[in-house]
Amino acid sequence: MGAFSSFAVYTYLLFAALTQCCAEKSFSIDRINKTFLLDGEPFRYISGSIHYFRVHPDQWNDRLSRMRAAGLNAIQFYIPWNFHEVYEGISRFDGSRNVTHFLSLAAGNELYALVRIGPYICGEWENGGLPWWLLKYENIRMRTSDVRFLDAVKKWFDVLLPQLKPSLRKNGGPILMLQVENEYKL
């Protein structure tokens, strides 16, 4: 093979590799055909729930690998606000609260993620994941349009969502969907 042919083959392979690795990641809904699309192709997720806040971080990877071995291609989990912001204005994402590390382990196990961000999660979790300190506001009406509640939720989402943004599918991460609220008025 001549030098030009070798260069052409090398250039083609490099282009193909770059195109493959850098292709735009997407997740959408094809409403006409009633199917999910992953990177433009029909996709069905098979998921199970795992609550990182109920499993020791040393066991996260083991549990995720078992879920993948069971045939799942996605996980679902809640993010309890009161687990991350025990005290107003002090949010933690370290140790057992390191949701970004949990998501990276999910991705490493080829699992997509459907994340329920609350603010209310139910999940058989204390106060449905709402922080106790909200009760300092006299007569606050949680899970309503009460301005005090909505202001607190906005502050929480302003902290939480930047933590999750790098893990969204469009940014190359495992998060396919975010669910706001849970079991509203049930």
N, C-alpha and C. Protein backbone atom coordinates (compact mmCIF):
# COMPACT_ATOMS: atom_id res chain seq x y z
N MET A 1 0.86 -1.17 0.00
CA MET A 1 0.00 0.00 0.00
C MET A 1 0.91 1.23 0.00
N GLY A 2 0.62 2.18 -0.89
CA GLY A 2 1.43 3.38 -1.02
C GLY A 2 1.19 4.33 0.14
N ALA A 3 2.06 5.36 0.20
CA ALA A 3 1.97 6.34 1.27
C ALA A 3 0.63 7.08 1.24
N PHE A 4 0.16 7.43 0.03
CA PHE A 4 -1.12 8.13 -0.08
C PHE A 4 -2.26 7.25 0.39
N SER A 5 -2.23 5.97 -0.01
CA SER A 5 -3.30 5.04 0.39
C SER A 5 -3.30 4.85 1.90
N SER A 6 -2.13 4.72 2.49
CA SER A 6 -2.03 4.57 3.95
C SER A 6 -2.58 5.81 4.65
N PHE A 7 -2.22 6.99 4.12
CA PHE A 7 -2.71 8.24 4.69
C PHE A 7 -4.23 8.32 4.59
N ALA A 8 -4.77 7.93 3.43
CA ALA A 8 -6.22 7.98 3.22
C ALA A 8 -6.93 7.04 4.19
N VAL A 9 -6.42 5.83 4.36
CA VAL A 9 -7.03 4.87 5.28
C VAL A 9 -6.95 5.40 6.71
N TYR A 10 -5.78 5.91 7.09
CA TYR A 10 -5.60 6.45 8.43
C TYR A 10 -6.56 7.61 8.68
N THR A 11 -6.66 8.51 7.70
CA THR A 11 -7.56 9.67 7.82
C THR A 11 -9.01 9.21 7.95
N TYR A 12 -9.41 8.23 7.15
CA TYR A 12 -10.78 7.71 7.23
C TYR A 12 -11.05 7.11 8.61
N LEU A 13 -10.13 6.29 9.10
CA LEU A 13 -10.32 5.65 10.41
C LEU A 13 -10.37 6.69 11.53
N LEU A 14 -9.51 7.71 11.44
CA LEU A 14 -9.53 8.76 12.44
C LEU A 14 -10.85 9.52 12.41
N PHE A 15 -11.33 9.85 11.21
CA PHE A 15 -12.60 10.54 11.06
C PHE A 15 -13.75 9.69 11.61
N ALA A 16 -13.73 8.39 11.27
CA ALA A 16 -14.78 7.49 11.75
C ALA A 16 -14.76 7.40 13.28
N ALA A 17 -13.57 7.32 13.86
CA ALA A 17 -13.47 7.23 15.31
C ALA A 17 -13.95 8.52 15.97
N LEU A 18 -13.55 9.66 15.42
CA LEU A 18 -13.99 10.94 15.99
C LEU A 18 -15.49 11.13 15.85
N THR A 19 -16.03 10.73 14.71
CA THR A 19 -17.47 10.85 14.49
C THR A 19 -18.22 9.98 15.48
N GLN A 20 -17.73 8.76 15.70
CA GLN A 20 -18.38 7.84 16.63
C GLN A 20 -18.32 8.35 18.06
N CYS A 21 -17.13 8.80 18.48
CA CYS A 21 -16.98 9.21 19.88
C CYS A 21 -17.64 10.54 20.16
N CYS A 22 -17.73 11.38 19.17
CA CYS A 22 -18.23 12.73 19.40
C CYS A 22 -19.63 12.96 18.85
N ALA A 23 -20.29 11.90 18.40
CA ALA A 23 -21.65 12.04 17.88
C ALA A 23 -22.55 12.58 18.99
N GLU A 24 -23.49 13.40 18.61
CA GLU A 24 -24.38 14.01 19.60
C GLU A 24 -25.23 12.94 20.28
N LYS A 25 -25.20 12.96 21.59
CA LYS A 25 -26.00 12.03 22.38
C LYS A 25 -27.38 12.64 22.58
N SER A 26 -28.41 11.82 22.48
CA SER A 26 -29.75 12.36 22.66
C SER A 26 -30.69 11.29 23.19
N PHE A 27 -31.76 11.77 23.79
CA PHE A 27 -32.86 10.92 24.23
C PHE A 27 -34.12 11.73 23.99
N SER A 28 -35.05 11.16 23.25
CA SER A 28 -36.27 11.89 22.91
C SER A 28 -37.44 10.92 22.79
N ILE A 29 -38.60 11.48 22.52
CA ILE A 29 -39.81 10.68 22.35
C ILE A 29 -40.31 10.87 20.93
N ASP A 30 -40.53 9.76 20.25
CA ASP A 30 -41.16 9.77 18.92
C ASP A 30 -42.65 9.59 19.18
N ARG A 31 -43.38 10.68 19.19
CA ARG A 31 -44.80 10.63 19.51
C ARG A 31 -45.62 9.92 18.44
N ILE A 32 -45.20 10.02 17.20
CA ILE A 32 -45.94 9.37 16.11
C ILE A 32 -45.86 7.85 16.25
N ASN A 33 -44.66 7.33 16.48
CA ASN A 33 -44.48 5.88 16.61
C ASN A 33 -44.56 5.39 18.05
N LYS A 34 -44.81 6.31 18.98
CA LYS A 34 -44.98 5.99 20.39
C LYS A 34 -43.81 5.17 20.94
N THR A 35 -42.62 5.72 20.78
CA THR A 35 -41.43 5.04 21.27
C THR A 35 -40.39 6.06 21.72
N PHE A 36 -39.49 5.62 22.59
CA PHE A 36 -38.35 6.44 22.96
C PHE A 36 -37.30 6.30 21.88
N LEU A 37 -36.49 7.34 21.71
CA LEU A 37 -35.37 7.31 20.78
C LEU A 37 -34.10 7.63 21.55
N LEU A 38 -33.12 6.74 21.43
CA LEU A 38 -31.81 6.96 22.01
C LEU A 38 -30.85 7.18 20.86
N ASP A 39 -30.30 8.37 20.78
CA ASP A 39 -29.42 8.75 19.66
C ASP A 39 -30.10 8.50 18.32
N GLY A 40 -31.40 8.77 18.28
CA GLY A 40 -32.17 8.66 17.04
C GLY A 40 -32.70 7.28 16.72
N GLU A 41 -32.39 6.29 17.54
CA GLU A 41 -32.82 4.91 17.29
C GLU A 41 -33.87 4.49 18.33
N PRO A 42 -34.85 3.65 17.92
CA PRO A 42 -35.84 3.17 18.89
C PRO A 42 -35.15 2.51 20.09
N PHE A 43 -35.69 2.76 21.27
CA PHE A 43 -35.05 2.31 22.49
C PHE A 43 -36.10 1.96 23.54
N ARG A 44 -35.86 0.89 24.24
CA ARG A 44 -36.71 0.50 25.36
C ARG A 44 -35.80 0.31 26.58
N TYR A 45 -36.17 0.96 27.65
CA TYR A 45 -35.38 0.75 28.86
C TYR A 45 -36.07 -0.28 29.74
N ILE A 46 -35.24 -1.04 30.44
CA ILE A 46 -35.70 -2.02 31.42
C ILE A 46 -34.99 -1.64 32.71
N SER A 47 -35.76 -1.14 33.67
CA SER A 47 -35.11 -0.54 34.84
C SER A 47 -35.56 -1.17 36.14
N GLY A 48 -34.75 -0.90 37.14
CA GLY A 48 -35.06 -1.28 38.51
C GLY A 48 -34.66 -0.14 39.43
N SER A 49 -35.23 -0.10 40.61
CA SER A 49 -34.94 0.97 41.56
C SER A 49 -33.80 0.59 42.49
N ILE A 50 -32.96 1.56 42.74
CA ILE A 50 -31.90 1.42 43.74
C ILE A 50 -31.74 2.79 44.39
N HIS A 51 -31.71 2.81 45.69
CA HIS A 51 -31.62 4.08 46.42
C HIS A 51 -30.22 4.20 47.00
N TYR A 52 -29.40 5.03 46.39
CA TYR A 52 -28.01 5.18 46.83
C TYR A 52 -27.92 5.56 48.30
N PHE A 53 -28.91 6.25 48.80
CA PHE A 53 -28.90 6.71 50.19
C PHE A 53 -29.25 5.60 51.16
N ARG A 54 -29.62 4.43 50.66
CA ARG A 54 -29.92 3.27 51.52
C ARG A 54 -28.88 2.16 51.37
N VAL A 55 -27.87 2.41 50.56
CA VAL A 55 -26.81 1.42 50.32
C VAL A 55 -25.48 2.09 50.65
N HIS A 56 -24.61 1.39 51.36
CA HIS A 56 -23.30 1.95 51.67
C HIS A 56 -22.53 2.19 50.37
N PRO A 57 -21.85 3.33 50.25
CA PRO A 57 -21.12 3.63 49.01
C PRO A 57 -20.14 2.54 48.57
N ASP A 58 -19.57 1.82 49.53
CA ASP A 58 -18.66 0.72 49.17
C ASP A 58 -19.38 -0.40 48.43
N GLN A 59 -20.70 -0.44 48.52
CA GLN A 59 -21.48 -1.49 47.87
C GLN A 59 -22.18 -1.01 46.60
N TRP A 60 -22.08 0.27 46.27
CA TRP A 60 -22.78 0.80 45.10
C TRP A 60 -22.42 0.05 43.82
N ASN A 61 -21.13 -0.08 43.55
CA ASN A 61 -20.72 -0.70 42.29
C ASN A 61 -21.18 -2.16 42.21
N ASP A 62 -21.07 -2.87 43.32
CA ASP A 62 -21.52 -4.27 43.34
C ASP A 62 -23.01 -4.37 43.02
N ARG A 63 -23.81 -3.53 43.67
CA ARG A 63 -25.26 -3.58 43.43
C ARG A 63 -25.60 -3.20 42.00
N LEU A 64 -24.92 -2.19 41.47
CA LEU A 64 -25.18 -1.76 40.09
C LEU A 64 -24.77 -2.85 39.10
N SER A 65 -23.64 -3.50 39.35
CA SER A 65 -23.21 -4.56 38.43
C SER A 65 -24.17 -5.74 38.48
N ARG A 66 -24.75 -6.01 39.64
CA ARG A 66 -25.75 -7.08 39.75
C ARG A 66 -27.02 -6.72 38.99
N MET A 67 -27.40 -5.46 39.02
CA MET A 67 -28.58 -5.02 38.28
C MET A 67 -28.34 -5.18 36.78
N ARG A 68 -27.15 -4.83 36.34
CA ARG A 68 -26.82 -5.00 34.92
C ARG A 68 -26.80 -6.48 34.56
N ALA A 69 -26.23 -7.29 35.43
CA ALA A 69 -26.17 -8.74 35.18
C ALA A 69 -27.56 -9.36 35.14
N ALA A 70 -28.52 -8.74 35.82
CA ALA A 70 -29.90 -9.24 35.81
C ALA A 70 -30.64 -8.86 34.54
N GLY A 71 -29.98 -8.13 33.66
CA GLY A 71 -30.59 -7.78 32.37
C GLY A 71 -31.15 -6.38 32.29
N LEU A 72 -30.97 -5.60 33.35
CA LEU A 72 -31.47 -4.23 33.31
C LEU A 72 -30.51 -3.36 32.49
N ASN A 73 -31.06 -2.33 31.86
CA ASN A 73 -30.21 -1.36 31.17
C ASN A 73 -30.38 0.04 31.75
N ALA A 74 -31.17 0.16 32.82
CA ALA A 74 -31.40 1.47 33.45
C ALA A 74 -31.73 1.28 34.93
N ILE A 75 -31.48 2.34 35.68
CA ILE A 75 -31.86 2.38 37.09
C ILE A 75 -32.74 3.60 37.32
N GLN A 76 -33.55 3.50 38.36
CA GLN A 76 -34.36 4.63 38.81
C GLN A 76 -34.00 4.90 40.26
N PHE A 77 -33.90 6.17 40.59
CA PHE A 77 -33.66 6.49 42.00
C PHE A 77 -34.14 7.89 42.33
N TYR A 78 -34.44 8.07 43.60
CA TYR A 78 -34.85 9.35 44.15
C TYR A 78 -33.62 10.11 44.63
N ILE A 79 -33.78 11.43 44.75
CA ILE A 79 -32.80 12.26 45.44
C ILE A 79 -33.54 12.96 46.58
N PRO A 80 -33.34 12.49 47.81
CA PRO A 80 -34.04 13.10 48.94
C PRO A 80 -33.39 14.42 49.35
N TRP A 81 -34.14 15.47 49.22
CA TRP A 81 -33.66 16.82 49.56
C TRP A 81 -33.13 16.86 50.99
N ASN A 82 -33.88 16.27 51.92
CA ASN A 82 -33.48 16.35 53.33
C ASN A 82 -32.25 15.51 53.67
N PHE A 83 -31.80 14.67 52.77
CA PHE A 83 -30.57 13.90 52.94
C PHE A 83 -29.37 14.77 52.56
N HIS A 84 -29.57 15.65 51.61
CA HIS A 84 -28.47 16.49 51.12
C HIS A 84 -28.42 17.86 51.79
N GLU A 85 -29.56 18.37 52.23
CA GLU A 85 -29.61 19.68 52.87
C GLU A 85 -30.28 19.54 54.24
N VAL A 86 -29.55 18.93 55.16
CA VAL A 86 -30.08 18.71 56.51
C VAL A 86 -30.34 20.05 57.19
N TYR A 87 -29.43 20.97 57.00
CA TYR A 87 -29.56 22.31 57.56
C TYR A 87 -29.69 23.30 56.41
N GLU A 88 -30.59 24.23 56.56
CA GLU A 88 -30.89 25.18 55.49
C GLU A 88 -29.63 25.87 54.97
N GLY A 89 -29.47 25.81 53.66
CA GLY A 89 -28.35 26.49 53.01
C GLY A 89 -27.04 25.73 53.01
N ILE A 90 -27.01 24.55 53.64
CA ILE A 90 -25.78 23.75 53.68
C ILE A 90 -26.05 22.43 52.97
N SER A 91 -25.66 22.36 51.71
CA SER A 91 -25.90 21.15 50.91
C SER A 91 -24.62 20.32 50.84
N ARG A 92 -24.79 19.01 50.92
CA ARG A 92 -23.63 18.10 50.89
C ARG A 92 -23.81 17.08 49.78
N PHE A 93 -22.71 16.84 49.07
CA PHE A 93 -22.67 15.84 48.00
C PHE A 93 -21.40 15.02 48.13
N ASP A 94 -21.02 14.71 49.36
CA ASP A 94 -19.82 13.92 49.61
C ASP A 94 -20.21 12.58 50.22
N GLY A 95 -19.26 11.64 50.24
CA GLY A 95 -19.49 10.35 50.88
C GLY A 95 -20.74 9.65 50.38
N SER A 96 -21.62 9.30 51.29
CA SER A 96 -22.85 8.58 50.92
C SER A 96 -23.84 9.48 50.19
N ARG A 97 -23.53 10.76 50.09
CA ARG A 97 -24.37 11.73 49.38
C ARG A 97 -23.82 12.06 47.98
N ASN A 98 -22.76 11.39 47.57
CA ASN A 98 -22.08 11.71 46.31
C ASN A 98 -22.84 11.11 45.12
N VAL A 99 -23.91 11.77 44.76
CA VAL A 99 -24.78 11.27 43.69
C VAL A 99 -24.06 11.27 42.34
N THR A 100 -23.12 12.19 42.13
CA THR A 100 -22.40 12.19 40.85
C THR A 100 -21.48 10.98 40.73
N HIS A 101 -20.90 10.56 41.84
CA HIS A 101 -20.09 9.33 41.82
C HIS A 101 -20.98 8.12 41.56
N PHE A 102 -22.13 8.10 42.20
CA PHE A 102 -23.09 7.02 41.98
C PHE A 102 -23.47 6.94 40.50
N LEU A 103 -23.73 8.09 39.89
CA LEU A 103 -24.07 8.13 38.46
C LEU A 103 -22.91 7.67 37.59
N SER A 104 -21.69 8.01 37.96
CA SER A 104 -20.54 7.55 37.16
C SER A 104 -20.38 6.04 37.27
N LEU A 105 -20.68 5.47 38.43
CA LEU A 105 -20.64 4.01 38.56
C LEU A 105 -21.74 3.37 37.72
N ALA A 106 -22.90 3.99 37.69
CA ALA A 106 -23.99 3.47 36.84
C ALA A 106 -23.54 3.47 35.39
N ALA A 107 -22.96 4.57 34.94
CA ALA A 107 -22.48 4.65 33.55
C ALA A 107 -21.41 3.60 33.29
N GLY A 108 -20.53 3.39 34.25
CA GLY A 108 -19.49 2.37 34.12
C GLY A 108 -20.05 0.97 34.00
N ASN A 109 -21.25 0.77 34.51
CA ASN A 109 -21.93 -0.52 34.40
C ASN A 109 -22.93 -0.55 33.25
N GLU A 110 -22.81 0.43 32.35
CA GLU A 110 -23.67 0.54 31.17
C GLU A 110 -25.15 0.61 31.54
N LEU A 111 -25.44 1.39 32.57
CA LEU A 111 -26.81 1.61 33.03
C LEU A 111 -27.19 3.07 32.82
N TYR A 112 -28.33 3.28 32.22
CA TYR A 112 -28.89 4.63 32.12
C TYR A 112 -29.60 4.94 33.43
N ALA A 113 -29.96 6.21 33.62
CA ALA A 113 -30.59 6.62 34.88
C ALA A 113 -31.84 7.45 34.63
N LEU A 114 -32.86 7.15 35.41
CA LEU A 114 -34.10 7.92 35.47
C LEU A 114 -34.14 8.46 36.89
N VAL A 115 -34.01 9.76 37.03
CA VAL A 115 -33.77 10.35 38.35
C VAL A 115 -34.97 11.17 38.81
N ARG A 116 -35.44 10.85 39.98
CA ARG A 116 -36.59 11.53 40.59
C ARG A 116 -36.06 12.56 41.58
N ILE A 117 -36.10 13.83 41.16
CA ILE A 117 -35.43 14.88 41.92
C ILE A 117 -36.30 15.57 42.96
N GLY A 118 -37.56 15.19 43.06
CA GLY A 118 -38.43 15.80 44.05
C GLY A 118 -38.99 17.12 43.57
N PRO A 119 -39.28 18.03 44.46
CA PRO A 119 -38.79 18.12 45.84
C PRO A 119 -39.37 17.04 46.76
N TYR A 120 -40.61 16.64 46.54
CA TYR A 120 -41.20 15.56 47.33
C TYR A 120 -40.92 14.25 46.61
N ILE A 121 -40.45 13.25 47.36
CA ILE A 121 -40.13 11.96 46.72
C ILE A 121 -40.96 10.81 47.25
N CYS A 122 -41.60 10.97 48.38
CA CYS A 122 -42.25 9.86 49.08
C CYS A 122 -41.17 8.83 49.39
N GLY A 123 -41.10 7.74 48.61
CA GLY A 123 -40.02 6.78 48.78
C GLY A 123 -39.92 6.19 50.17
N GLU A 124 -41.03 6.23 50.92
CA GLU A 124 -41.00 5.73 52.29
C GLU A 124 -39.81 6.35 53.03
N TRP A 125 -39.65 7.64 52.84
CA TRP A 125 -38.54 8.39 53.42
C TRP A 125 -39.11 9.52 54.28
N GLU A 126 -38.46 9.79 55.39
CA GLU A 126 -38.94 10.80 56.34
C GLU A 126 -39.38 12.09 55.65
N ASN A 127 -40.60 12.48 55.94
CA ASN A 127 -41.20 13.70 55.40
C ASN A 127 -41.17 13.74 53.87
N GLY A 128 -41.13 12.57 53.26
CA GLY A 128 -41.13 12.51 51.79
C GLY A 128 -39.92 13.16 51.17
N GLY A 129 -38.86 13.32 51.96
CA GLY A 129 -37.65 13.96 51.46
C GLY A 129 -37.61 15.46 51.66
N LEU A 130 -38.69 16.03 52.14
CA LEU A 130 -38.70 17.48 52.39
C LEU A 130 -37.96 17.76 53.69
N PRO A 131 -37.11 18.79 53.72
CA PRO A 131 -36.34 19.07 54.93
C PRO A 131 -37.20 19.60 56.08
N TRP A 132 -36.83 19.21 57.28
CA TRP A 132 -37.56 19.60 58.48
C TRP A 132 -37.58 21.11 58.67
N TRP A 133 -36.52 21.77 58.25
CA TRP A 133 -36.41 23.20 58.51
C TRP A 133 -37.45 24.03 57.75
N LEU A 134 -38.12 23.44 56.76
CA LEU A 134 -39.21 24.17 56.10
C LEU A 134 -40.34 24.49 57.09
N LEU A 135 -40.44 23.68 58.14
CA LEU A 135 -41.51 23.86 59.12
C LEU A 135 -41.32 25.09 60.01
N LYS A 136 -40.16 25.72 59.91
CA LYS A 136 -39.95 26.95 60.69
C LYS A 136 -40.81 28.10 60.17
N TYR A 137 -41.28 27.96 58.92
CA TYR A 137 -42.15 28.98 58.35
C TYR A 137 -43.58 28.70 58.82
N GLU A 138 -44.12 29.60 59.61
CA GLU A 138 -45.44 29.41 60.19
C GLU A 138 -46.49 29.23 59.09
N ASN A 139 -47.29 28.17 59.25
CA ASN A 139 -48.39 27.86 58.32
C ASN A 139 -47.95 27.65 56.87
N ILE A 140 -46.72 27.22 56.66
CA ILE A 140 -46.27 26.97 55.29
C ILE A 140 -47.11 25.84 54.68
N ARG A 141 -47.44 25.98 53.44
CA ARG A 141 -48.19 24.95 52.73
C ARG A 141 -47.25 24.31 51.72
N MET A 142 -46.74 23.15 52.10
CA MET A 142 -45.78 22.46 51.24
C MET A 142 -46.48 21.82 50.06
N ARG A 143 -45.72 21.69 48.98
CA ARG A 143 -46.21 21.09 47.73
C ARG A 143 -47.36 21.90 47.15
N THR A 144 -47.32 23.20 47.36
CA THR A 144 -48.32 24.11 46.80
C THR A 144 -47.57 25.30 46.18
N SER A 145 -48.32 26.29 45.77
CA SER A 145 -47.70 27.50 45.22
C SER A 145 -47.33 28.51 46.31
N ASP A 146 -47.31 28.08 47.56
CA ASP A 146 -46.87 28.93 48.66
C ASP A 146 -45.48 29.47 48.30
N VAL A 147 -45.35 30.79 48.26
CA VAL A 147 -44.12 31.43 47.81
C VAL A 147 -42.91 30.98 48.63
N ARG A 148 -43.09 30.78 49.92
CA ARG A 148 -41.97 30.36 50.77
C ARG A 148 -41.50 28.97 50.37
N PHE A 149 -42.43 28.09 50.07
CA PHE A 149 -42.07 26.74 49.62
C PHE A 149 -41.37 26.81 48.27
N LEU A 150 -41.95 27.53 47.32
CA LEU A 150 -41.36 27.61 45.98
C LEU A 150 -39.99 28.27 46.00
N ASP A 151 -39.79 29.27 46.86
CA ASP A 151 -38.46 29.90 46.98
C ASP A 151 -37.43 28.90 47.48
N ALA A 152 -37.81 28.10 48.47
CA ALA A 152 -36.90 27.09 49.01
C ALA A 152 -36.58 26.03 47.96
N VAL A 153 -37.59 25.60 47.20
CA VAL A 153 -37.38 24.61 46.14
C VAL A 153 -36.45 25.18 45.08
N LYS A 154 -36.65 26.42 44.69
CA LYS A 154 -35.79 27.04 43.69
C LYS A 154 -34.33 27.05 44.16
N LYS A 155 -34.11 27.43 45.42
CA LYS A 155 -32.75 27.43 45.96
C LYS A 155 -32.15 26.03 45.92
N TRP A 156 -32.95 25.02 46.27
CA TRP A 156 -32.47 23.64 46.25
C TRP A 156 -32.14 23.21 44.82
N PHE A 157 -33.03 23.47 43.88
CA PHE A 157 -32.78 23.09 42.49
C PHE A 157 -31.59 23.85 41.92
N ASP A 158 -31.37 25.09 42.36
CA ASP A 158 -30.20 25.85 41.91
C ASP A 158 -28.89 25.20 42.37
N VAL A 159 -28.95 24.43 43.43
CA VAL A 159 -27.78 23.68 43.92
C VAL A 159 -27.73 22.30 43.27
N LEU A 160 -28.86 21.61 43.23
CA LEU A 160 -28.90 20.22 42.74
C LEU A 160 -28.67 20.10 41.23
N LEU A 161 -29.37 20.88 40.45
CA LEU A 161 -29.33 20.69 38.99
C LEU A 161 -27.93 20.86 38.39
N PRO A 162 -27.11 21.80 38.85
CA PRO A 162 -25.74 21.85 38.33
C PRO A 162 -24.92 20.60 38.67
N GLN A 163 -25.27 19.92 39.76
CA GLN A 163 -24.61 18.66 40.09
C GLN A 163 -24.94 17.58 39.06
N LEU A 164 -26.18 17.62 38.55
CA LEU A 164 -26.66 16.59 37.63
C LEU A 164 -26.37 16.89 36.16
N LYS A 165 -26.25 18.15 35.82
CA LYS A 165 -26.14 18.56 34.42
C LYS A 165 -25.05 17.80 33.64
N PRO A 166 -23.84 17.62 34.17
CA PRO A 166 -22.83 16.88 33.40
C PRO A 166 -23.22 15.43 33.12
N SER A 167 -24.14 14.89 33.91
CA SER A 167 -24.55 13.49 33.75
C SER A 167 -25.76 13.31 32.85
N LEU A 168 -26.28 14.40 32.28
CA LEU A 168 -27.40 14.27 31.34
C LEU A 168 -26.93 13.59 30.06
N ARG A 169 -27.81 12.87 29.42
CA ARG A 169 -27.49 12.14 28.19
C ARG A 169 -26.86 13.06 27.14
N LYS A 170 -27.42 14.25 26.96
CA LYS A 170 -26.91 15.15 25.93
C LYS A 170 -25.48 15.60 26.22
N ASN A 171 -25.03 15.44 27.46
CA ASN A 171 -23.66 15.77 27.83
C ASN A 171 -22.79 14.52 27.95
N GLY A 172 -23.29 13.39 27.46
CA GLY A 172 -22.54 12.15 27.48
C GLY A 172 -22.73 11.30 28.72
N GLY A 173 -23.63 11.71 29.61
CA GLY A 173 -23.86 10.98 30.84
C GLY A 173 -25.01 10.00 30.74
N PRO A 174 -25.32 9.32 31.85
CA PRO A 174 -26.34 8.27 31.83
C PRO A 174 -27.78 8.74 32.07
N ILE A 175 -28.00 10.00 32.49
CA ILE A 175 -29.36 10.43 32.83
C ILE A 175 -30.19 10.63 31.58
N LEU A 176 -31.26 9.83 31.46
CA LEU A 176 -32.20 9.97 30.35
C LEU A 176 -33.35 10.90 30.69
N MET A 177 -33.82 10.83 31.93
CA MET A 177 -34.99 11.60 32.33
C MET A 177 -34.86 12.07 33.78
N LEU A 178 -35.48 13.22 34.04
CA LEU A 178 -35.64 13.71 35.40
C LEU A 178 -37.14 13.79 35.68
N GLN A 179 -37.53 13.34 36.86
CA GLN A 179 -38.94 13.45 37.26
C GLN A 179 -39.04 14.47 38.38
N VAL A 180 -39.89 15.47 38.17
CA VAL A 180 -40.14 16.48 39.19
C VAL A 180 -41.41 16.09 39.94
N GLU A 181 -41.34 16.14 41.29
CA GLU A 181 -42.46 15.77 42.16
C GLU A 181 -42.70 14.26 42.11
N ASN A 182 -43.62 13.79 42.92
CA ASN A 182 -43.92 12.37 42.99
C ASN A 182 -45.26 12.18 43.68
N GLU A 183 -46.10 11.37 43.07
CA GLU A 183 -47.39 11.01 43.66
C GLU A 183 -48.16 12.25 44.13
N TYR A 184 -48.20 13.26 43.30
CA TYR A 184 -48.85 14.51 43.69
C TYR A 184 -50.36 14.31 43.83
N LYS A 185 -50.86 14.67 45.01
CA LYS A 185 -52.30 14.59 45.33
C LYS A 185 -52.88 13.19 45.20
N LEU A 186 -52.09 12.18 45.50
CA LEU A 186 -52.62 10.81 45.49
C LEU A 186 -53.10 10.43 46.87
